[in-house]
C-alpha cells in the first residue's frame, strides 16, 4: 500500500476511504527512539513528551531520565507508548470509534471494500440519521467522492433498497431507507 498518513477525511463508519489507509505506528516508534537518543546530550524524556506523556516526560527531563534508570527502561516501552499515542490520535481525529478493537482497525486498514460492503457502510450512516440520507451527508461520513457516493445510492435505489425524494423546501435529493 502507499505511504500512510493521518490527514484524511473522517470516517464514521470506521473504515478508511479507498486508497487512503490509516496511519501506521512505525514512523512514530522510530521518531521516539531518535528522541530517546537526545538523552545522550542531556535531554531525557523528550520521547515521552512526543508520545503524549507530558508529566513523566518533564520529570525525566528535569531528573536526567530518572538518573538514567527510567530512560533505560523506556527502551523496552517505546513501541507500546508509540502505538498507544497513535490510537489516541486516531480516536481524536474520528478514525477510531469507541469500543473498536485494535484488531478491527488493522483489518479495516488493509481491506479494499467491494461496492456491497460500501453499501452496508451507507446503511450504517443512514441508520444513524433516522433512515434518511443525502449525498453530502454520506460524503462527509464516509470520506468518499460525491460521484462514488451518488453511484452507490443510485444503485441502492435501482435495486429497491432506498426511496428517492426531493425535500419540499430545499429541493435536496434525500434517500430514505424504509427498513431502518
N, C-alpha and C. Protein backbone atom coordinates (compact mmCIF):
# COMPACT_ATOMS: atom_id res chain seq x y z
N UNK A 1 0.83 -1.18 0.00
CA UNK A 1 0.00 0.00 0.00
C UNK A 1 0.87 1.24 0.00
N UNK A 2 0.29 2.34 -0.32
CA UNK A 2 1.01 3.62 -0.39
C UNK A 2 1.38 4.09 1.01
N UNK A 3 2.15 5.17 1.05
CA UNK A 3 2.54 5.76 2.34
C UNK A 3 1.29 6.13 3.11
N UNK A 4 1.32 5.96 4.41
CA UNK A 4 0.15 6.15 5.23
C UNK A 4 0.24 7.47 5.98
N UNK A 5 -0.87 8.19 6.05
CA UNK A 5 -0.89 9.47 6.73
C UNK A 5 -2.11 9.57 7.62
N UNK A 6 -2.10 10.52 8.53
CA UNK A 6 -3.25 10.78 9.38
C UNK A 6 -4.18 11.81 8.74
N UNK A 7 -3.70 12.55 7.74
CA UNK A 7 -4.51 13.59 7.13
C UNK A 7 -5.43 12.96 6.09
N UNK A 8 -6.62 12.57 6.52
CA UNK A 8 -7.60 12.01 5.62
C UNK A 8 -8.98 12.32 6.15
N UNK A 9 -9.99 12.21 5.33
CA UNK A 9 -11.33 12.53 5.78
C UNK A 9 -11.74 11.62 6.94
N UNK A 10 -12.53 12.17 7.86
CA UNK A 10 -13.03 11.35 8.94
C UNK A 10 -14.04 10.37 8.39
N UNK A 11 -14.12 9.23 9.02
CA UNK A 11 -14.98 8.18 8.54
C UNK A 11 -15.76 7.61 9.71
N UNK A 12 -17.03 7.94 9.80
CA UNK A 12 -17.80 7.49 10.95
C UNK A 12 -18.18 6.02 10.82
N UNK A 13 -18.06 5.44 9.65
CA UNK A 13 -18.33 4.02 9.52
C UNK A 13 -17.16 3.19 10.00
N UNK A 14 -16.04 3.83 10.32
CA UNK A 14 -14.89 3.14 10.89
C UNK A 14 -13.95 2.50 9.89
N UNK A 15 -14.15 2.76 8.61
CA UNK A 15 -13.30 2.18 7.58
C UNK A 15 -12.68 3.31 6.78
N UNK A 16 -11.36 3.28 6.56
CA UNK A 16 -10.74 4.37 5.81
C UNK A 16 -11.23 4.41 4.36
N UNK A 17 -11.28 5.58 3.76
CA UNK A 17 -11.66 5.68 2.36
C UNK A 17 -10.69 4.88 1.49
N UNK A 18 -11.18 4.39 0.36
CA UNK A 18 -10.35 3.58 -0.53
C UNK A 18 -9.12 4.37 -0.96
N UNK A 19 -7.98 3.72 -1.02
CA UNK A 19 -6.69 4.30 -1.38
C UNK A 19 -6.21 5.36 -0.39
N UNK A 20 -6.80 5.43 0.80
CA UNK A 20 -6.36 6.37 1.82
C UNK A 20 -6.32 5.67 3.17
N UNK A 21 -5.37 4.73 3.36
CA UNK A 21 -5.35 3.97 4.61
C UNK A 21 -4.93 4.81 5.81
N UNK A 22 -5.21 4.28 6.97
CA UNK A 22 -4.94 4.95 8.24
C UNK A 22 -3.46 4.89 8.56
N UNK A 23 -2.96 5.87 9.36
CA UNK A 23 -1.55 5.96 9.71
C UNK A 23 -1.00 4.76 10.45
N UNK A 24 0.27 4.49 10.27
CA UNK A 24 0.96 3.41 10.96
C UNK A 24 1.75 3.96 12.12
N UNK A 25 2.14 3.07 13.02
CA UNK A 25 2.92 3.50 14.17
C UNK A 25 4.42 3.38 13.91
N UNK A 26 4.87 2.80 12.80
CA UNK A 26 6.29 2.58 12.54
C UNK A 26 7.11 3.86 12.60
N UNK A 27 6.67 4.92 11.96
CA UNK A 27 7.40 6.19 12.00
C UNK A 27 7.41 6.78 13.40
N UNK A 28 6.32 6.66 14.11
CA UNK A 28 6.24 7.20 15.47
C UNK A 28 7.23 6.46 16.37
N UNK A 29 7.35 5.15 16.21
CA UNK A 29 8.30 4.38 17.02
C UNK A 29 9.73 4.79 16.69
N UNK A 30 10.05 4.91 15.42
CA UNK A 30 11.39 5.33 15.01
C UNK A 30 11.70 6.72 15.55
N UNK A 31 10.77 7.64 15.38
CA UNK A 31 10.97 9.00 15.90
C UNK A 31 11.17 8.99 17.42
N UNK A 32 10.42 8.14 18.12
CA UNK A 32 10.56 8.05 19.58
C UNK A 32 11.96 7.60 19.96
N UNK A 33 12.50 6.62 19.25
CA UNK A 33 13.87 6.17 19.54
C UNK A 33 14.88 7.28 19.24
N UNK A 34 14.62 8.03 18.18
CA UNK A 34 15.53 9.14 17.87
C UNK A 34 15.47 10.21 18.97
N UNK A 35 14.26 10.50 19.46
CA UNK A 35 14.14 11.44 20.56
C UNK A 35 14.78 10.89 21.83
N UNK A 36 14.71 9.56 22.02
CA UNK A 36 15.35 8.95 23.17
C UNK A 36 16.85 9.25 23.18
N UNK A 37 17.44 9.25 21.96
CA UNK A 37 18.88 9.49 21.85
C UNK A 37 19.29 10.88 22.35
N UNK A 38 18.37 11.82 22.43
CA UNK A 38 18.68 13.14 22.97
C UNK A 38 19.12 13.06 24.43
N UNK A 39 18.79 11.96 25.08
CA UNK A 39 19.25 11.72 26.45
C UNK A 39 20.78 11.76 26.52
N UNK A 40 21.43 11.29 25.46
CA UNK A 40 22.89 11.26 25.43
C UNK A 40 23.48 12.66 25.43
N UNK A 41 22.65 13.66 25.08
CA UNK A 41 23.10 15.05 25.12
C UNK A 41 22.52 15.79 26.32
N UNK A 42 21.92 15.04 27.25
CA UNK A 42 21.41 15.65 28.47
C UNK A 42 19.95 16.02 28.45
N UNK A 43 19.20 15.59 27.44
CA UNK A 43 17.78 15.95 27.32
C UNK A 43 16.92 14.69 27.41
N UNK A 44 16.76 14.13 28.57
CA UNK A 44 15.94 12.94 28.76
C UNK A 44 14.46 13.28 28.72
N UNK A 45 13.64 12.29 28.38
CA UNK A 45 12.19 12.42 28.43
C UNK A 45 11.52 13.02 27.22
N UNK A 46 12.27 13.47 26.24
CA UNK A 46 11.65 14.09 25.06
C UNK A 46 10.77 13.07 24.33
N UNK A 47 11.21 11.82 24.31
CA UNK A 47 10.42 10.77 23.66
C UNK A 47 9.07 10.59 24.37
N UNK A 48 9.03 10.79 25.66
CA UNK A 48 7.77 10.66 26.40
C UNK A 48 6.83 11.83 26.06
N UNK A 49 7.36 13.02 25.99
CA UNK A 49 6.55 14.18 25.63
C UNK A 49 5.98 14.00 24.23
N UNK A 50 6.80 13.51 23.30
CA UNK A 50 6.36 13.25 21.93
C UNK A 50 5.19 12.26 21.89
N UNK A 51 5.17 11.32 22.81
CA UNK A 51 4.11 10.31 22.84
C UNK A 51 2.99 10.64 23.81
N UNK A 52 2.86 11.91 24.17
CA UNK A 52 1.72 12.37 24.95
C UNK A 52 1.83 12.17 26.44
N UNK A 53 2.96 11.74 26.94
CA UNK A 53 3.16 11.55 28.37
C UNK A 53 3.93 12.76 28.92
N UNK A 54 3.24 13.89 28.96
CA UNK A 54 3.85 15.17 29.29
C UNK A 54 4.41 15.19 30.71
N UNK A 55 3.62 14.75 31.68
CA UNK A 55 4.06 14.80 33.08
C UNK A 55 5.33 14.00 33.32
N UNK A 56 5.33 12.74 32.91
CA UNK A 56 6.53 11.93 33.13
C UNK A 56 7.67 12.38 32.23
N UNK A 57 7.33 12.92 31.08
CA UNK A 57 8.37 13.44 30.19
C UNK A 57 9.12 14.60 30.84
N UNK A 58 8.38 15.49 31.50
CA UNK A 58 9.02 16.60 32.20
C UNK A 58 9.81 16.11 33.40
N UNK A 59 9.27 15.10 34.10
CA UNK A 59 10.00 14.52 35.22
C UNK A 59 11.33 13.93 34.73
N UNK A 60 11.30 13.18 33.63
CA UNK A 60 12.51 12.61 33.05
C UNK A 60 13.47 13.74 32.63
N UNK A 61 12.92 14.80 32.05
CA UNK A 61 13.75 15.90 31.57
C UNK A 61 14.53 16.56 32.71
N UNK A 62 13.84 16.82 33.83
CA UNK A 62 14.48 17.54 34.93
C UNK A 62 15.30 16.64 35.86
N UNK A 63 15.16 15.30 35.72
CA UNK A 63 15.94 14.39 36.57
C UNK A 63 16.89 13.53 35.74
N UNK A 64 17.18 13.98 34.55
CA UNK A 64 18.08 13.26 33.64
C UNK A 64 17.61 11.82 33.44
N UNK A 65 16.33 11.71 33.08
CA UNK A 65 15.77 10.38 32.81
C UNK A 65 15.67 9.53 34.05
N UNK A 66 15.23 10.13 35.15
CA UNK A 66 15.21 9.47 36.46
C UNK A 66 16.58 8.85 36.73
N UNK A 67 17.59 9.69 36.55
CA UNK A 67 19.01 9.34 36.76
C UNK A 67 19.45 8.19 35.86
N UNK A 68 18.84 8.14 34.68
CA UNK A 68 19.23 7.17 33.67
C UNK A 68 18.46 5.85 33.74
N UNK A 69 17.88 5.57 34.89
CA UNK A 69 17.18 4.28 35.07
C UNK A 69 15.88 4.27 34.26
N UNK A 70 15.05 5.28 34.44
CA UNK A 70 13.78 5.36 33.69
C UNK A 70 14.02 5.43 32.20
N UNK A 71 15.03 6.19 31.83
CA UNK A 71 15.36 6.35 30.41
C UNK A 71 15.75 5.00 29.80
N UNK A 72 16.52 4.22 30.53
CA UNK A 72 16.96 2.91 30.04
C UNK A 72 15.78 1.94 29.94
N UNK A 73 14.91 1.93 30.93
CA UNK A 73 13.73 1.06 30.90
C UNK A 73 12.84 1.42 29.71
N UNK A 74 12.77 2.70 29.39
CA UNK A 74 11.93 3.14 28.27
C UNK A 74 12.35 2.55 26.93
N UNK A 75 13.57 2.09 26.81
CA UNK A 75 13.97 1.43 25.56
C UNK A 75 13.04 0.27 25.24
N UNK A 76 12.55 -0.41 26.26
CA UNK A 76 11.62 -1.53 26.06
C UNK A 76 10.17 -1.06 25.92
N UNK A 77 9.85 0.10 26.46
CA UNK A 77 8.47 0.58 26.50
C UNK A 77 8.08 1.45 25.30
N UNK A 78 9.05 1.92 24.55
CA UNK A 78 8.76 2.86 23.45
C UNK A 78 7.77 2.31 22.42
N UNK A 79 7.87 1.07 21.95
CA UNK A 79 6.89 0.61 20.95
C UNK A 79 5.44 0.69 21.46
N UNK A 80 5.21 0.31 22.71
CA UNK A 80 3.86 0.39 23.26
C UNK A 80 3.41 1.84 23.43
N UNK A 81 4.32 2.72 23.87
CA UNK A 81 4.00 4.14 24.01
C UNK A 81 3.58 4.73 22.66
N UNK A 82 4.34 4.38 21.62
CA UNK A 82 4.06 4.92 20.29
C UNK A 82 2.72 4.43 19.76
N UNK A 83 2.42 3.15 19.95
CA UNK A 83 1.14 2.60 19.49
C UNK A 83 -0.02 3.20 20.26
N UNK A 84 0.14 3.35 21.55
CA UNK A 84 -0.91 3.96 22.37
C UNK A 84 -1.21 5.38 21.92
N UNK A 85 -0.18 6.15 21.63
CA UNK A 85 -0.36 7.53 21.17
C UNK A 85 -1.01 7.55 19.78
N UNK A 86 -0.61 6.62 18.92
CA UNK A 86 -1.21 6.55 17.58
C UNK A 86 -2.71 6.29 17.69
N UNK A 87 -3.11 5.37 18.56
CA UNK A 87 -4.53 5.08 18.73
C UNK A 87 -5.27 6.27 19.33
N UNK A 88 -4.62 6.98 20.27
CA UNK A 88 -5.24 8.19 20.83
C UNK A 88 -5.48 9.22 19.74
N UNK A 89 -4.49 9.41 18.87
CA UNK A 89 -4.64 10.39 17.79
C UNK A 89 -5.72 9.97 16.80
N UNK A 90 -5.81 8.67 16.52
CA UNK A 90 -6.86 8.17 15.63
C UNK A 90 -8.24 8.43 16.23
N UNK A 91 -8.39 8.16 17.52
CA UNK A 91 -9.67 8.39 18.18
C UNK A 91 -10.02 9.87 18.17
N UNK A 92 -9.03 10.70 18.42
CA UNK A 92 -9.26 12.16 18.43
C UNK A 92 -9.68 12.66 17.05
N UNK A 93 -9.13 12.07 16.00
CA UNK A 93 -9.46 12.53 14.65
C UNK A 93 -10.72 11.87 14.10
N UNK A 94 -11.32 10.97 14.87
CA UNK A 94 -12.57 10.34 14.43
C UNK A 94 -12.37 9.07 13.63
N UNK A 95 -11.16 8.58 13.51
CA UNK A 95 -10.90 7.38 12.72
C UNK A 95 -11.05 6.10 13.52
N UNK A 96 -11.22 6.22 14.80
CA UNK A 96 -11.37 5.06 15.67
C UNK A 96 -12.59 5.28 16.52
N UNK A 97 -13.57 4.40 16.38
CA UNK A 97 -14.80 4.54 17.15
C UNK A 97 -14.62 3.93 18.54
N UNK A 98 -15.34 4.45 19.55
CA UNK A 98 -15.29 3.86 20.89
C UNK A 98 -15.70 2.39 20.82
N UNK A 99 -14.97 1.55 21.52
CA UNK A 99 -15.27 0.12 21.54
C UNK A 99 -14.67 -0.66 20.39
N UNK A 100 -14.06 0.01 19.45
CA UNK A 100 -13.46 -0.67 18.31
C UNK A 100 -12.07 -1.16 18.72
N UNK A 101 -11.83 -2.44 18.59
CA UNK A 101 -10.55 -3.01 19.00
C UNK A 101 -9.46 -2.76 17.97
N UNK A 102 -8.23 -2.94 18.43
CA UNK A 102 -7.08 -2.74 17.55
C UNK A 102 -7.14 -3.70 16.37
N UNK A 103 -7.57 -4.94 16.60
CA UNK A 103 -7.68 -5.92 15.51
C UNK A 103 -8.64 -5.46 14.43
N UNK A 104 -9.73 -4.81 14.82
CA UNK A 104 -10.68 -4.31 13.84
C UNK A 104 -10.06 -3.18 13.03
N UNK A 105 -9.26 -2.33 13.68
CA UNK A 105 -8.62 -1.23 12.97
C UNK A 105 -7.65 -1.78 11.95
N UNK A 106 -6.83 -2.77 12.35
CA UNK A 106 -5.86 -3.36 11.43
C UNK A 106 -6.58 -4.00 10.25
N UNK A 107 -7.69 -4.71 10.52
CA UNK A 107 -8.43 -5.36 9.45
C UNK A 107 -9.00 -4.34 8.48
N UNK A 108 -9.50 -3.22 8.99
CA UNK A 108 -10.08 -2.22 8.10
C UNK A 108 -9.02 -1.46 7.34
N UNK A 109 -7.78 -1.40 7.87
CA UNK A 109 -6.72 -0.68 7.18
C UNK A 109 -6.33 -1.40 5.89
N UNK A 110 -6.35 -2.73 5.92
CA UNK A 110 -5.83 -3.48 4.78
C UNK A 110 -6.91 -3.88 3.79
N UNK A 111 -8.17 -3.75 4.17
CA UNK A 111 -9.25 -4.22 3.31
C UNK A 111 -9.54 -3.23 2.19
N UNK A 112 -9.73 -3.77 0.99
CA UNK A 112 -10.25 -2.99 -0.12
C UNK A 112 -11.70 -3.41 -0.23
N UNK A 113 -12.60 -2.46 -0.07
CA UNK A 113 -14.01 -2.78 0.06
C UNK A 113 -14.71 -2.91 -1.28
N UNK A 114 -15.61 -3.88 -1.34
CA UNK A 114 -16.44 -4.08 -2.53
C UNK A 114 -17.58 -3.06 -2.49
N UNK A 115 -18.26 -2.87 -3.62
CA UNK A 115 -19.42 -1.96 -3.60
C UNK A 115 -20.49 -2.40 -2.59
N UNK A 116 -20.68 -3.70 -2.43
CA UNK A 116 -21.68 -4.18 -1.47
C UNK A 116 -21.28 -3.81 -0.04
N UNK A 117 -19.99 -3.91 0.27
CA UNK A 117 -19.54 -3.53 1.60
C UNK A 117 -19.71 -2.02 1.82
N UNK A 118 -19.49 -1.24 0.80
CA UNK A 118 -19.70 0.21 0.91
C UNK A 118 -21.18 0.53 1.09
N UNK A 119 -22.05 -0.29 0.45
CA UNK A 119 -23.49 -0.09 0.64
C UNK A 119 -23.89 -0.37 2.08
N UNK A 120 -23.26 -1.36 2.70
CA UNK A 120 -23.52 -1.64 4.11
C UNK A 120 -23.08 -0.44 4.96
N UNK A 121 -21.94 0.15 4.62
CA UNK A 121 -21.50 1.35 5.33
C UNK A 121 -22.53 2.47 5.19
N UNK A 122 -23.06 2.64 3.98
CA UNK A 122 -24.09 3.66 3.76
C UNK A 122 -25.31 3.39 4.62
N UNK A 123 -25.69 2.13 4.75
CA UNK A 123 -26.83 1.78 5.60
C UNK A 123 -26.56 2.15 7.06
N UNK A 124 -25.35 1.92 7.51
CA UNK A 124 -25.00 2.28 8.89
C UNK A 124 -25.11 3.79 9.09
N UNK A 125 -24.61 4.56 8.12
CA UNK A 125 -24.69 6.01 8.21
C UNK A 125 -26.15 6.45 8.18
N UNK A 126 -26.95 5.85 7.31
CA UNK A 126 -28.37 6.20 7.22
C UNK A 126 -29.10 5.86 8.52
N UNK A 127 -28.75 4.72 9.12
CA UNK A 127 -29.39 4.33 10.38
C UNK A 127 -29.10 5.38 11.46
N UNK A 128 -27.86 5.90 11.50
CA UNK A 128 -27.51 6.94 12.48
C UNK A 128 -28.34 8.19 12.26
N UNK A 129 -28.84 8.40 11.06
CA UNK A 129 -29.59 9.61 10.72
C UNK A 129 -31.08 9.34 10.56
N UNK A 130 -31.57 8.31 11.20
CA UNK A 130 -33.00 8.04 11.18
C UNK A 130 -33.50 7.48 9.87
N UNK A 131 -32.66 6.86 9.08
CA UNK A 131 -33.07 6.23 7.83
C UNK A 131 -33.10 7.16 6.63
N UNK A 132 -32.73 8.41 6.81
CA UNK A 132 -32.72 9.39 5.71
C UNK A 132 -31.30 9.89 5.51
N UNK A 133 -30.90 10.03 4.24
CA UNK A 133 -29.52 10.37 3.95
C UNK A 133 -29.43 11.16 2.65
N UNK A 134 -28.62 12.23 2.67
CA UNK A 134 -28.33 12.98 1.45
C UNK A 134 -26.91 12.63 0.99
N UNK A 135 -26.60 12.95 -0.25
CA UNK A 135 -25.27 12.68 -0.77
C UNK A 135 -24.19 13.41 0.03
N UNK A 136 -24.34 14.72 0.31
CA UNK A 136 -23.28 15.39 1.10
C UNK A 136 -23.08 14.78 2.49
N UNK A 137 -24.16 14.34 3.15
CA UNK A 137 -24.03 13.71 4.46
C UNK A 137 -23.19 12.43 4.34
N UNK A 138 -23.45 11.64 3.31
CA UNK A 138 -22.72 10.39 3.11
C UNK A 138 -21.26 10.66 2.74
N UNK A 139 -21.01 11.70 1.95
CA UNK A 139 -19.63 12.05 1.58
C UNK A 139 -18.84 12.39 2.83
N UNK A 140 -19.41 13.19 3.72
CA UNK A 140 -18.72 13.58 4.95
C UNK A 140 -18.50 12.36 5.83
N UNK A 141 -19.50 11.53 6.00
CA UNK A 141 -19.40 10.39 6.90
C UNK A 141 -18.44 9.32 6.40
N UNK A 142 -18.36 9.12 5.08
CA UNK A 142 -17.57 8.01 4.55
C UNK A 142 -16.24 8.43 3.95
N UNK A 143 -16.07 9.71 3.64
CA UNK A 143 -14.81 10.15 3.06
C UNK A 143 -14.64 9.76 1.61
N UNK A 144 -15.73 9.47 0.92
CA UNK A 144 -15.68 9.12 -0.50
C UNK A 144 -15.99 10.36 -1.32
N UNK A 145 -15.80 10.26 -2.63
CA UNK A 145 -16.13 11.39 -3.51
C UNK A 145 -17.64 11.45 -3.72
N UNK A 146 -18.10 12.59 -4.19
CA UNK A 146 -19.53 12.75 -4.48
C UNK A 146 -19.98 11.73 -5.52
N UNK A 147 -19.17 11.53 -6.56
CA UNK A 147 -19.55 10.58 -7.61
C UNK A 147 -19.67 9.16 -7.08
N UNK A 148 -18.72 8.76 -6.21
CA UNK A 148 -18.77 7.40 -5.65
C UNK A 148 -20.03 7.20 -4.81
N UNK A 149 -20.31 8.17 -3.94
CA UNK A 149 -21.48 8.07 -3.07
C UNK A 149 -22.76 8.08 -3.88
N UNK A 150 -22.83 9.01 -4.82
CA UNK A 150 -24.05 9.10 -5.63
C UNK A 150 -24.28 7.81 -6.42
N UNK A 151 -23.21 7.25 -6.95
CA UNK A 151 -23.33 5.99 -7.69
C UNK A 151 -23.84 4.87 -6.80
N UNK A 152 -23.33 4.78 -5.59
CA UNK A 152 -23.78 3.74 -4.66
C UNK A 152 -25.25 3.95 -4.28
N UNK A 153 -25.62 5.18 -4.00
CA UNK A 153 -27.01 5.45 -3.62
C UNK A 153 -27.97 5.20 -4.77
N UNK A 154 -27.57 5.57 -5.98
CA UNK A 154 -28.43 5.31 -7.14
C UNK A 154 -28.58 3.80 -7.38
N UNK A 155 -27.52 3.06 -7.16
CA UNK A 155 -27.59 1.60 -7.31
C UNK A 155 -28.52 1.01 -6.25
N UNK A 156 -28.45 1.52 -5.04
CA UNK A 156 -29.34 1.03 -3.98
C UNK A 156 -30.79 1.39 -4.29
N UNK A 157 -31.00 2.56 -4.89
CA UNK A 157 -32.35 2.94 -5.31
C UNK A 157 -32.83 2.04 -6.45
N UNK A 158 -31.95 1.77 -7.40
CA UNK A 158 -32.31 0.91 -8.53
C UNK A 158 -32.70 -0.49 -8.05
N UNK A 159 -32.01 -1.00 -7.04
CA UNK A 159 -32.29 -2.33 -6.51
C UNK A 159 -33.51 -2.34 -5.57
N UNK A 160 -34.03 -1.18 -5.24
CA UNK A 160 -35.21 -1.11 -4.40
C UNK A 160 -34.93 -1.02 -2.91
N UNK A 161 -33.68 -0.76 -2.53
CA UNK A 161 -33.33 -0.65 -1.11
C UNK A 161 -33.61 0.73 -0.55
N UNK A 162 -33.70 1.74 -1.42
CA UNK A 162 -33.89 3.11 -0.96
C UNK A 162 -34.89 3.82 -1.86
N UNK A 163 -35.71 4.66 -1.24
CA UNK A 163 -36.61 5.53 -1.99
C UNK A 163 -35.91 6.87 -2.15
N UNK A 164 -36.16 7.52 -3.28
CA UNK A 164 -35.53 8.81 -3.56
C UNK A 164 -36.63 9.86 -3.65
N UNK A 165 -36.44 10.98 -2.92
CA UNK A 165 -37.42 12.06 -2.95
C UNK A 165 -36.71 13.40 -2.83
N UNK A 166 -37.39 14.45 -3.22
CA UNK A 166 -36.86 15.81 -3.06
C UNK A 166 -37.52 16.44 -1.84
N UNK A 167 -36.70 17.11 -1.02
CA UNK A 167 -37.27 17.86 0.09
C UNK A 167 -38.05 19.04 -0.47
N UNK A 168 -39.23 19.29 0.06
CA UNK A 168 -40.11 20.34 -0.47
C UNK A 168 -39.49 21.73 -0.37
N UNK A 169 -38.84 22.02 0.75
CA UNK A 169 -38.32 23.37 0.97
C UNK A 169 -37.03 23.64 0.20
N UNK A 170 -36.12 22.69 0.19
CA UNK A 170 -34.79 22.94 -0.38
C UNK A 170 -34.59 22.30 -1.75
N UNK A 171 -35.36 21.28 -2.08
CA UNK A 171 -35.17 20.59 -3.34
C UNK A 171 -34.04 19.57 -3.31
N UNK A 172 -33.43 19.39 -2.15
CA UNK A 172 -32.32 18.44 -2.00
C UNK A 172 -32.85 17.01 -2.14
N UNK A 173 -32.12 16.19 -2.86
CA UNK A 173 -32.49 14.78 -3.01
C UNK A 173 -32.14 14.04 -1.72
N UNK A 174 -33.14 13.34 -1.17
CA UNK A 174 -32.97 12.57 0.06
C UNK A 174 -33.27 11.11 -0.26
N UNK A 175 -32.39 10.25 0.18
CA UNK A 175 -32.60 8.81 0.04
C UNK A 175 -33.15 8.31 1.35
N UNK A 176 -34.28 7.60 1.30
CA UNK A 176 -34.91 7.10 2.51
C UNK A 176 -34.88 5.59 2.49
N UNK A 177 -34.36 5.04 3.57
CA UNK A 177 -34.26 3.59 3.73
C UNK A 177 -35.38 3.17 4.67
N UNK A 178 -36.47 2.67 4.12
CA UNK A 178 -37.68 2.41 4.89
C UNK A 178 -37.51 1.28 5.89
N UNK A 179 -36.61 0.37 5.64
CA UNK A 179 -36.42 -0.77 6.54
C UNK A 179 -35.63 -0.44 7.79
N UNK A 180 -35.13 0.79 7.92
CA UNK A 180 -34.30 1.11 9.09
C UNK A 180 -35.13 1.70 10.20
